[in-house]
N, C-alpha and C. Protein backbone atom coordinates (compact mmCIF):
# COMPACT_ATOMS: atom_id res chain seq x y z
N MET A 1 86.93 154.24 75.73
CA MET A 1 87.31 153.12 76.42
C MET A 1 88.32 153.16 75.77
N MET A 2 89.30 152.60 77.22
CA MET A 2 90.90 152.29 76.74
C MET A 2 90.68 150.65 78.08
N PRO A 3 92.21 149.86 77.66
CA PRO A 3 92.06 148.74 78.92
C PRO A 3 93.33 148.97 80.02
N LEU A 4 92.48 148.73 80.90
CA LEU A 4 92.63 149.05 82.00
C LEU A 4 94.28 148.87 82.20
N SER A 5 95.00 147.93 81.71
CA SER A 5 96.59 147.51 81.66
C SER A 5 97.00 149.57 81.34
N LEU A 6 96.46 150.43 80.51
CA LEU A 6 96.87 151.81 80.11
C LEU A 6 96.53 152.66 81.23
N ALA A 7 95.65 152.61 82.05
CA ALA A 7 95.66 153.65 83.46
C ALA A 7 96.76 153.61 84.84
N LYS A 8 97.20 154.76 84.53
CA LYS A 8 98.58 155.01 85.43
C LYS A 8 98.47 154.92 87.31
N GLN A 9 98.49 154.95 87.41
CA GLN A 9 99.25 154.76 89.08
C GLN A 9 98.73 155.59 89.90
N GLY A 10 97.52 154.96 90.74
CA GLY A 10 96.46 156.52 91.29
C GLY A 10 95.40 156.43 90.42
N ASP A 11 94.77 156.26 89.74
CA ASP A 11 93.76 156.50 88.70
C ASP A 11 92.57 155.27 89.39
N THR A 12 91.74 155.90 89.58
CA THR A 12 89.94 155.42 89.97
C THR A 12 89.55 155.43 88.71
N ASN A 13 89.27 153.79 87.91
CA ASN A 13 88.19 154.64 86.91
C ASN A 13 86.97 153.89 87.12
N TYR A 14 86.17 153.58 86.26
CA TYR A 14 84.57 152.17 86.14
C TYR A 14 85.15 151.23 85.04
N ILE A 15 84.96 150.23 85.48
CA ILE A 15 84.42 149.40 84.22
C ILE A 15 83.14 149.40 83.25
N LYS A 16 83.53 149.57 81.99
CA LYS A 16 83.21 150.10 81.48
C LYS A 16 82.36 148.63 80.68
N LYS A 17 83.61 147.77 80.64
CA LYS A 17 83.01 145.84 79.68
C LYS A 17 84.16 145.18 79.95
N ILE A 18 83.59 144.52 79.81
CA ILE A 18 84.65 142.83 80.31
C ILE A 18 84.46 142.27 79.03
N SER A 19 85.87 141.82 78.24
CA SER A 19 85.90 140.76 77.22
C SER A 19 86.50 139.84 76.95
N GLY A 20 86.33 138.63 76.58
CA GLY A 20 86.87 137.60 76.51
C GLY A 20 86.02 136.15 76.39
N ARG A 21 86.71 135.30 76.87
CA ARG A 21 85.42 134.16 76.98
C ARG A 21 84.68 133.61 77.83
N ASP A 22 84.28 133.45 77.97
CA ASP A 22 82.74 132.90 79.22
C ASP A 22 83.17 132.88 80.03
N ASP A 23 84.23 131.39 79.86
CA ASP A 23 85.32 131.64 80.81
C ASP A 23 86.75 132.20 82.02
N VAL A 24 86.62 133.32 81.17
CA VAL A 24 87.55 134.68 81.61
C VAL A 24 86.82 134.88 82.34
N ARG A 25 85.38 135.84 81.73
CA ARG A 25 84.75 136.59 82.78
C ARG A 25 83.82 136.34 83.56
N GLN A 26 84.25 135.23 84.02
CA GLN A 26 83.43 134.12 85.07
C GLN A 26 84.86 134.89 86.17
N HIS A 27 85.44 134.46 85.86
CA HIS A 27 86.78 134.11 86.27
C HIS A 27 86.81 135.90 87.02
N LEU A 28 87.01 136.31 86.42
CA LEU A 28 86.89 138.46 86.50
C LEU A 28 85.75 138.36 87.56
N ALA A 29 84.71 138.14 86.76
CA ALA A 29 83.49 138.99 88.31
C ALA A 29 84.05 138.02 89.54
N GLU A 30 84.50 136.69 89.53
CA GLU A 30 84.48 136.18 90.53
C GLU A 30 85.50 137.11 91.39
N LEU A 31 86.62 137.83 91.01
CA LEU A 31 87.67 138.65 91.35
C LEU A 31 86.70 139.68 91.92
N GLY A 32 85.74 140.19 91.28
CA GLY A 32 85.30 141.56 91.73
C GLY A 32 84.93 142.35 90.99
N PHE A 33 85.50 142.04 89.48
CA PHE A 33 85.70 142.64 88.17
C PHE A 33 84.75 142.85 87.52
N VAL A 34 83.10 143.52 87.90
CA VAL A 34 81.53 144.02 87.07
C VAL A 34 82.15 144.76 86.25
N VAL A 35 80.81 145.02 84.87
CA VAL A 35 80.65 145.97 84.72
C VAL A 35 80.15 147.49 86.13
N GLY A 36 80.38 148.67 85.46
CA GLY A 36 80.29 149.66 86.54
C GLY A 36 80.41 150.41 88.10
N GLU A 37 81.69 148.77 88.85
CA GLU A 37 82.50 148.89 89.44
C GLU A 37 83.43 150.15 89.69
N ALA A 38 84.48 150.33 89.94
CA ALA A 38 84.85 151.35 90.77
C ALA A 38 86.60 150.65 90.83
N VAL A 39 87.44 151.10 90.08
CA VAL A 39 88.49 150.21 90.23
C VAL A 39 89.69 150.98 90.43
N THR A 40 91.19 151.08 91.34
CA THR A 40 92.09 152.02 91.10
C THR A 40 93.45 150.98 91.33
N VAL A 41 94.27 151.67 90.44
CA VAL A 41 95.28 151.17 90.39
C VAL A 41 96.48 151.50 91.27
N VAL A 42 96.57 150.58 92.12
CA VAL A 42 97.40 150.82 93.37
C VAL A 42 99.11 150.68 92.58
N THR A 43 99.63 149.84 92.40
CA THR A 43 100.76 149.82 91.42
C THR A 43 101.01 149.22 90.28
N GLU A 44 102.12 149.30 89.31
CA GLU A 44 101.74 149.07 88.34
C GLU A 44 104.03 148.86 87.37
N ALA A 45 104.02 147.99 87.39
CA ALA A 45 105.59 147.47 87.01
C ALA A 45 105.24 146.54 86.23
N GLY A 46 106.07 147.22 84.94
CA GLY A 46 105.94 146.31 83.70
C GLY A 46 104.07 144.89 82.54
N GLY A 47 103.31 146.17 83.02
CA GLY A 47 102.79 145.59 82.51
C GLY A 47 102.07 144.90 84.02
N ASP A 48 102.69 143.96 84.97
CA ASP A 48 101.15 143.26 86.10
C ASP A 48 101.23 145.08 86.86
N MET A 49 99.40 144.46 87.04
CA MET A 49 99.16 145.33 88.45
C MET A 49 98.43 145.25 89.57
N ILE A 50 98.51 145.94 90.41
CA ILE A 50 97.86 145.38 91.06
C ILE A 50 96.50 146.48 91.57
N LEU A 51 95.94 146.23 92.06
CA LEU A 51 94.58 146.74 91.85
C LEU A 51 93.21 146.67 93.51
N ASN A 52 92.55 147.90 93.70
CA ASN A 52 92.15 148.12 94.46
C ASN A 52 90.80 147.79 93.69
N VAL A 53 89.63 147.11 94.11
CA VAL A 53 88.09 146.60 93.59
C VAL A 53 87.43 146.22 94.58
N LYS A 54 86.23 146.59 94.79
CA LYS A 54 85.84 146.50 96.18
C LYS A 54 86.62 145.75 97.60
N GLY A 55 86.97 147.09 97.64
CA GLY A 55 87.83 146.95 98.88
C GLY A 55 89.33 146.15 99.05
N CYS A 56 89.34 145.02 97.93
CA CYS A 56 90.49 144.39 98.13
C CYS A 56 91.65 144.65 96.50
N ARG A 57 92.37 144.26 97.21
CA ARG A 57 93.94 144.14 96.18
C ARG A 57 94.35 143.01 95.73
N VAL A 58 93.90 143.37 94.65
CA VAL A 58 94.13 142.27 93.51
C VAL A 58 94.92 142.28 92.23
N ALA A 59 95.74 141.27 92.53
CA ALA A 59 96.86 140.82 91.19
C ALA A 59 96.42 140.42 90.43
N LEU A 60 96.61 141.17 89.12
CA LEU A 60 96.41 141.18 87.83
C LEU A 60 97.55 140.90 86.37
N GLY A 61 97.91 140.68 86.11
CA GLY A 61 98.80 140.12 84.18
C GLY A 61 98.53 141.49 83.40
N LYS A 62 99.08 141.60 82.76
CA LYS A 62 98.69 142.71 81.45
C LYS A 62 97.71 142.13 80.45
N SER A 63 98.09 140.78 80.15
CA SER A 63 97.35 139.86 79.69
C SER A 63 95.08 140.15 80.04
N MET A 64 95.26 139.80 81.42
CA MET A 64 93.78 140.14 82.12
C MET A 64 93.37 142.05 81.92
N ALA A 65 94.47 142.30 82.68
CA ALA A 65 94.34 143.60 82.64
C ALA A 65 94.04 144.62 80.66
N ASN A 66 94.33 143.35 79.84
CA ASN A 66 93.83 144.33 78.86
C ASN A 66 92.29 143.42 78.10
N ARG A 67 92.01 142.62 79.19
CA ARG A 67 90.55 142.44 78.25
C ARG A 67 89.29 143.04 79.57
N ILE A 68 90.05 144.47 80.64
CA ILE A 68 89.29 145.13 81.59
C ILE A 68 88.90 146.14 80.18
N LEU A 69 87.48 147.31 80.35
CA LEU A 69 87.87 147.72 79.22
C LEU A 69 86.90 148.87 80.66
N VAL A 70 88.20 150.81 80.55
CA VAL A 70 87.22 151.42 81.70
C VAL A 70 87.19 152.63 80.74
């Protein structure tokens, strides 16, 4: 497993674990980041990422992307 922040542009990975406090995990789940879901890196710049999850594009900062393990 590796943090989502290390994934390269164009890579599609599957979420294996989400770390952090309960409120952080709940927030990510509301955005569509749940275990088993496919997530594709659309663009990455300076650690900030635009991701495609469940057919929607979502922007995440590096600290949040580090909490998602793929």
